[in-house]
Amino acid sequence: MLERVLETSDPFVVTLAKGTLEDAGIEFGIEGDDTDERNLSAVTPAGALPSKFLVAADFAGRARELLDPLIHPQAISEEDLSAEAESPEA
């Protein structure tokens, strides 16, 4: 059984979600906006068409956990930026 773990009309989020799930080894399907198959721009007068990411139910929790930062991005504080700039590169 498949579960929807993300729905977005933002092409940047779609690209990041694809990479995130691929890197984690989670197989997924995309329902809705399949621009590659239809060879269309997927942009209507109302905006981009939504893409729905589907994964197997067994992997849905992990997928949602990985995709959460794309859905609920957190601002980076000035303190975090300063600490990162001061830390030696690995």
C-alpha atoms as a PDB file:
ATOM      1  CA  MET A   1       0.000   0.000   0.000  1.00  0.00           C
ATOM      2  CA  LEU A   2       1.280   3.471  -0.901  1.00  0.00           C
ATOM      3  CA  GLU A   3       1.052   6.568   1.275  1.00  0.00           C
ATOM      4  CA  ARG A   4       1.321  10.203   0.222  1.00  0.00           C
ATOM      5  CA  VAL A   5       4.221  11.821   2.084  1.00  0.00           C
ATOM      6  CA  LEU A   6       4.438  15.158   0.288  1.00  0.00           C
ATOM      7  CA  GLU A   7       2.338  17.339  -1.981  1.00  0.00           C
ATOM      8  CA  THR A   8       3.785  20.518  -3.412  1.00  0.00           C
ATOM      9  CA  SER A   9       3.569  22.835  -6.394  1.00  0.00           C
ATOM     10  CA  ASP A  10       7.067  24.208  -5.785  1.00  0.00           C
ATOM     11  CA  PRO A  11       9.448  22.818  -8.452  1.00  0.00           C
ATOM     12  CA  PHE A  12      12.461  23.470  -6.199  1.00  0.00           C
ATOM     13  CA  VAL A  13      10.921  21.369  -3.403  1.00  0.00           C
ATOM     14  CA  VAL A  14      10.088  18.631  -5.932  1.00  0.00           C
ATOM     15  CA  THR A  15      13.729  18.473  -7.003  1.00  0.00           C
ATOM     16  CA  LEU A  16      14.997  18.428  -3.407  1.00  0.00           C
ATOM     17  CA  ALA A  17      12.454  15.774  -2.394  1.00  0.00           C
ATOM     18  CA  LYS A  18      13.489  13.519  -5.278  1.00  0.00           C
ATOM     19  CA  GLY A  19      17.150  13.780  -4.284  1.00  0.00           C
ATOM     20  CA  THR A  20      16.410  13.285  -0.592  1.00  0.00           C
ATOM     21  CA  LEU A  21      14.404  10.116  -1.142  1.00  0.00           C
ATOM     22  CA  GLU A  22      16.873   8.753  -3.710  1.00  0.00           C
ATOM     23  CA  ASP A  23      19.825   9.363  -1.357  1.00  0.00           C
ATOM     24  CA  ALA A  24      17.965   7.518   1.413  1.00  0.00           C
ATOM     25  CA  GLY A  25      17.252   4.578  -0.895  1.00  0.00           C
ATOM     26  CA  ILE A  26      13.477   5.025  -0.564  1.00  0.00           C
ATOM     27  CA  GLU A  27      11.586   4.116  -3.716  1.00  0.00           C
ATOM     28  CA  PHE A  28       8.858   6.593  -4.589  1.00  0.00           C
ATOM     29  CA  GLY A  29       6.318   7.478  -7.206  1.00  0.00           C
ATOM     30  CA  ILE A  30       5.062  10.884  -8.216  1.00  0.00           C
ATOM     31  CA  GLU A  31       1.419  11.414  -8.998  1.00  0.00           C
ATOM     32  CA  GLY A  32       0.044  14.504 -10.687  1.00  0.00           C
ATOM     33  CA  ASP A  33       2.652  16.646 -12.346  1.00  0.00           C
ATOM     34  CA  ASP A  34       4.723  14.357 -14.558  1.00  0.00           C
ATOM     35  CA  THR A  35       6.330  16.907 -16.859  1.00  0.00           C
ATOM     36  CA  ASP A  36       8.920  14.486 -18.266  1.00  0.00           C
ATOM     37  CA  GLU A  37       6.298  12.071 -19.526  1.00  0.00           C
ATOM     38  CA  ARG A  38       3.945  14.729 -20.871  1.00  0.00           C
ATOM     39  CA  ASN A  39       6.719  16.998 -22.158  1.00  0.00           C
ATOM     40  CA  LEU A  40       4.906  20.063 -20.862  1.00  0.00           C
ATOM     41  CA  SER A  41       5.991  22.969 -18.730  1.00  0.00           C
ATOM     42  CA  ALA A  42       3.455  21.979 -16.018  1.00  0.00           C
ATOM     43  CA  VAL A  43       2.649  25.627 -15.394  1.00  0.00           C
ATOM     44  CA  THR A  44      -0.907  26.798 -15.758  1.00  0.00           C
ATOM     45  CA  PRO A  45      -2.273  30.338 -15.472  1.00  0.00           C
ATOM     46  CA  ALA A  46      -2.951  29.481 -11.810  1.00  0.00           C
ATOM     47  CA  GLY A  47       0.660  28.322 -11.243  1.00  0.00           C
ATOM     48  CA  ALA A  48       2.523  25.027 -11.155  1.00  0.00           C
ATOM     49  CA  LEU A  49       0.553  21.786 -10.952  1.00  0.00           C
ATOM     50  CA  PRO A  50       0.921  19.852  -7.673  1.00  0.00           C
ATOM     51  CA  SER A  51       3.178  16.818  -7.393  1.00  0.00           C
ATOM     52  CA  LYS A  52       2.242  14.098  -4.897  1.00  0.00           C
ATOM     53  CA  PHE A  53       5.043  11.859  -3.614  1.00  0.00           C
ATOM     54  CA  LEU A  54       3.982   8.304  -2.775  1.00  0.00           C
ATOM     55  CA  VAL A  55       6.045   5.700  -0.910  1.00  0.00           C
ATOM     56  CA  ALA A  56       5.388   2.225   0.479  1.00  0.00           C
ATOM     57  CA  ALA A  57       3.607   2.378   3.833  1.00  0.00           C
ATOM     58  CA  ASP A  58       6.603   0.710   5.544  1.00  0.00           C
ATOM     59  CA  PHE A  59       8.816   3.656   4.558  1.00  0.00           C
ATOM     60  CA  ALA A  60       6.293   6.482   4.996  1.00  0.00           C
ATOM     61  CA  GLY A  61       7.426   7.470   8.491  1.00  0.00           C
ATOM     62  CA  ARG A  62      11.080   7.700   7.500  1.00  0.00           C
ATOM     63  CA  ALA A  63      10.214   9.557   4.300  1.00  0.00           C
ATOM     64  CA  ARG A  64       8.123  12.117   6.196  1.00  0.00           C
ATOM     65  CA  GLU A  65      10.948  12.594   8.688  1.00  0.00           C
ATOM     66  CA  LEU A  66      13.434  13.243   5.878  1.00  0.00           C
ATOM     67  CA  LEU A  67      11.070  15.550   3.963  1.00  0.00           C
ATOM     68  CA  ASP A  68       9.898  17.551   6.983  1.00  0.00           C
ATOM     69  CA  PRO A  69      12.599  20.251   6.577  1.00  0.00           C
ATOM     70  CA  LEU A  70      11.281  20.869   3.054  1.00  0.00           C
ATOM     71  CA  ILE A  71       7.734  21.289   4.360  1.00  0.00           C
ATOM     72  CA  HIS A  72       8.624  23.227   7.532  1.00  0.00           C
ATOM     73  CA  PRO A  73      11.944  24.980   6.895  1.00  0.00           C
ATOM     74  CA  GLN A  74      13.675  26.502   9.900  1.00  0.00           C
ATOM     75  CA  ALA A  75      15.498  29.810   9.789  1.00  0.00           C
ATOM     76  CA  ILE A  76      19.209  29.736  10.554  1.00  0.00           C
ATOM     77  CA  SER A  77      20.131  32.104  13.379  1.00  0.00           C
ATOM     78  CA  GLU A  78      23.019  34.549  13.147  1.00  0.00           C
ATOM     79  CA  GLU A  79      24.661  32.634  16.002  1.00  0.00           C
ATOM     80  CA  ASP A  80      24.523  29.364  14.042  1.00  0.00           C
ATOM     81  CA  LEU A  81      25.941  31.057  10.952  1.00  0.00           C
ATOM     82  CA  SER A  82      28.817  32.554  12.962  1.00  0.00           C
ATOM     83  CA  ALA A  83      29.608  29.212  14.623  1.00  0.00           C
ATOM     84  CA  GLU A  84      29.602  27.447  11.260  1.00  0.00           C
ATOM     85  CA  ALA A  85      31.908  30.065   9.728  1.00  0.00           C
ATOM     86  CA  GLU A  86      34.354  29.749  12.636  1.00  0.00           C
ATOM     87  CA  SER A  87      34.488  25.947  12.717  1.00  0.00           C
ATOM     88  CA  PRO A  88      37.327  24.249  10.827  1.00  0.00           C
ATOM     89  CA  GLU A  89      36.293  22.423   7.677  1.00  0.00           C
ATOM     90  CA  ALA A  90      36.351  18.626   7.852  1.00  0.00           C
END
